[in-house]
Each structure stands twice: as structure tokens, then as C-alpha cells.
């Protein structure tokens, strides 16, 4: 995906949310709220990939490895995107990557599904993961 294609897709996405925005003017990252969900978009020009992350949970301190391992194990069973942990922000995300440009409607629907999945992870799956780890 080219930078211009990524910019057009994001501008259409934000327009659909009722927000006017211009992207990649000096930065390659943008954030949005979809209801209660927080999503972020980052474009990697070297790889031509637009990554979209939906926040699952932000930890107050570094989580135990067992928690992260159990969360990663749930990824295959629950889907919604790839589970990613950012050690700089102590945050757990669901991520999906777009290497090819997609139709604006398809992009909006996929990001909406990612946002809904992140809320499901936050309210149910992560609680189950923590219970599993505490009983192990």
C-alpha cells in the first residue's frame, strides 16, 4: 500500500466517524475513538503497511510473563486480530495489518470489528486469562 492510499483510506474512515483529519503531515500515526474503544493507525513506509491497533488494556506496571503468555495463547481461540504487547506503554493491543489497499467500506467494517473485539477482550477474555494464571 502506498502512503497516499493509506492517507485516503484513513481520511475516508475518519470522515465516516464525523471527523475531518489530514494524515501523515509530519507524522505516521493517528488515533480515534469508536464508542468506548481506542484505535490507533500507523503507516510504515519502508514496508508499505498500514497497521491498526485497538487497545485491550493498559497495565499500571510490567505484567508477569505468565499473563502475557496466557493472553497470546487466547489469540488463536478468540481471534479479532493479532495480540501485541507494547513494553514502552505497558499496553496490550489487537492488531491487524493492511499491505494492500482495500475498499473504504471494507476497511471501516474491519476496524469496527477490531474495536468491538478489543472491548470483548477487555471485558471478558483478559479476566478469564487472569483467573487461569492465578489458579495455575
Protein backbone atom coordinates (compact mmCIF):
# COMPACT_ATOMS: atom_id res chain seq x y z
CA UNK A 1 0.00 0.00 0.00
CA UNK A 2 1.32 3.41 -0.85
CA UNK A 3 1.37 6.28 1.61
CA UNK A 4 -1.21 8.12 -0.48
CA UNK A 5 -3.55 5.08 -0.46
CA UNK A 6 -3.18 4.80 3.32
CA UNK A 7 -3.91 8.50 3.70
CA UNK A 8 -7.06 8.25 1.55
CA UNK A 9 -8.36 5.23 3.45
CA UNK A 10 -7.80 6.93 6.82
CA UNK A 11 -9.37 10.20 5.72
CA UNK A 12 -12.45 8.29 4.49
CA UNK A 13 -12.54 6.33 7.77
CA UNK A 14 -12.39 9.46 9.92
CA UNK A 15 -14.93 11.20 7.70
CA UNK A 16 -17.32 8.34 8.37
CA UNK A 17 -16.78 8.92 12.10
CA UNK A 18 -17.72 12.56 11.54
CA UNK A 19 -14.19 13.86 11.93
CA UNK A 20 -12.12 15.72 9.38
CA UNK A 21 -8.45 14.90 9.55
CA UNK A 22 -5.33 15.01 7.43
CA UNK A 23 -2.75 12.34 7.98
CA UNK A 24 0.96 11.89 7.65
CA UNK A 25 1.77 15.59 7.68
CA UNK A 26 4.99 15.18 9.65
CA UNK A 27 3.87 12.01 11.44
CA UNK A 28 2.83 8.49 10.59
CA UNK A 29 0.39 7.85 13.44
CA UNK A 30 -3.25 8.71 14.19
CA UNK A 31 -5.75 7.75 16.92
CA UNK A 32 -9.53 7.55 17.09
CA UNK A 33 -12.33 6.51 19.41
CA UNK A 34 -15.04 4.17 18.24
CA UNK A 35 -17.51 4.22 21.10
CA UNK A 36 -15.51 3.04 24.12
CA UNK A 37 -12.69 1.57 22.02
CA UNK A 38 -9.43 3.36 21.27
CA UNK A 39 -7.81 2.55 17.94
CA UNK A 40 -4.51 3.71 16.50
CA UNK A 41 -3.16 3.68 12.98
CA UNK A 42 0.47 3.68 11.94
CA UNK A 43 1.93 3.62 8.46
CA UNK A 44 5.32 2.00 7.82
CA UNK A 45 6.61 3.48 4.59
CA UNK A 46 9.52 1.04 4.32
CA UNK A 47 7.16 -1.96 4.23
CA UNK A 48 4.11 -0.22 2.78
CA UNK A 49 1.95 -1.47 5.65
CA UNK A 50 -0.84 0.32 7.47
CA UNK A 51 -1.15 -1.18 10.96
CA UNK A 52 -4.26 -0.74 13.06
CA UNK A 53 -4.26 -1.39 16.79
CA UNK A 54 -7.20 -1.49 19.17
CA UNK A 55 -6.32 -1.10 22.85
CA UNK A 56 -7.26 -4.06 25.02
CA UNK A 57 -5.67 -2.99 28.28
CA UNK A 58 -3.01 -0.65 29.67
CA UNK A 59 -1.17 -2.13 32.65
CA UNK A 60 -0.07 0.04 35.58
CA UNK A 61 3.19 -1.88 35.86
CA UNK A 62 5.01 -4.52 33.85
CA UNK A 63 2.75 -7.60 33.69
CA UNK A 64 4.04 -11.01 34.66
CA UNK A 65 5.19 -13.17 31.77
CA UNK A 66 2.51 -15.73 32.64
CA UNK A 67 -0.23 -13.16 31.97
CA UNK A 68 1.22 -12.24 28.58
CA UNK A 69 1.80 -15.88 27.62
CA UNK A 70 -1.79 -16.75 28.52
CA UNK A 71 -3.10 -13.75 26.54
CA UNK A 72 -1.08 -14.76 23.48
CA UNK A 73 -2.43 -18.32 23.81
CA UNK A 74 -6.00 -16.96 23.69
CA UNK A 75 -5.31 -15.25 20.36
CA UNK A 76 -5.88 -18.43 18.35
CA UNK A 77 -9.11 -19.25 20.15
CA UNK A 78 -10.72 -15.80 20.11
CA UNK A 79 -9.43 -14.01 17.04
CA UNK A 80 -10.20 -10.42 16.34
CA UNK A 81 -6.61 -9.70 15.37
CA UNK A 82 -3.07 -10.45 16.44
CA UNK A 83 -2.33 -9.84 20.14
CA UNK A 84 0.57 -7.42 20.58
CA UNK A 85 2.23 -6.16 23.75
CA UNK A 86 3.99 -2.78 23.75
CA UNK A 87 6.53 -2.72 26.59
CA UNK A 88 7.05 1.05 26.27
CA UNK A 89 3.41 1.88 27.00
CA UNK A 90 2.66 -1.30 29.01
CA UNK A 91 -0.30 -1.86 26.68
CA UNK A 92 -1.91 -4.91 25.16
CA UNK A 93 -3.48 -4.47 21.71
CA UNK A 94 -5.30 -6.35 18.97
CA UNK A 95 -3.60 -5.53 15.69
CA UNK A 96 -4.35 -6.05 12.03
CA UNK A 97 -2.16 -5.01 9.13
CA UNK A 98 -3.10 -3.88 5.65
CA UNK A 99 -0.46 -4.44 2.98
CA UNK A 100 -2.84 -3.78 0.09
CA UNK A 101 -5.38 -1.02 -0.27
CA UNK A 102 -8.94 -2.14 0.48
CA UNK A 103 -12.31 -0.55 -0.23
CA UNK A 104 -13.24 2.17 2.26
CA UNK A 105 -16.35 0.30 3.43
CA UNK A 106 -14.40 -2.91 3.98
CA UNK A 107 -11.71 -1.01 5.92
CA UNK A 108 -14.33 0.69 8.12
CA UNK A 109 -16.02 -2.64 8.85
CA UNK A 110 -12.74 -4.40 9.69
CA UNK A 111 -11.64 -1.61 12.03
CA UNK A 112 -15.06 -1.56 13.66
CA UNK A 113 -14.82 -5.35 14.21
CA UNK A 114 -11.31 -4.91 15.65
CA UNK A 115 -12.62 -2.25 18.05
CA UNK A 116 -15.52 -4.46 19.18
CA UNK A 117 -13.15 -7.41 19.63
CA UNK A 118 -10.82 -5.30 21.80
CA UNK A 119 -13.71 -4.45 24.12
CA UNK A 120 -14.65 -8.13 24.31
CA UNK A 121 -11.05 -8.95 25.17
CA UNK A 122 -11.01 -6.26 27.86
CA UNK A 123 -14.31 -7.21 29.47
CA UNK A 124 -14.14 -10.98 29.26
CA UNK A 125 -11.13 -12.70 27.83
CA UNK A 126 -8.49 -10.83 29.84
CA UNK A 127 -10.42 -11.52 33.05
CA UNK A 128 -10.51 -15.23 32.17
CA UNK A 129 -6.77 -15.13 31.40
CA UNK A 130 -6.01 -13.58 34.79
CA UNK A 131 -8.15 -16.19 36.56
CA UNK A 132 -6.37 -19.02 34.75
CA UNK A 133 -2.97 -17.67 35.73
CA UNK A 134 -3.95 -17.07 39.36
CA UNK A 135 -5.28 -20.66 39.68
CA UNK A 136 -2.28 -22.26 37.99
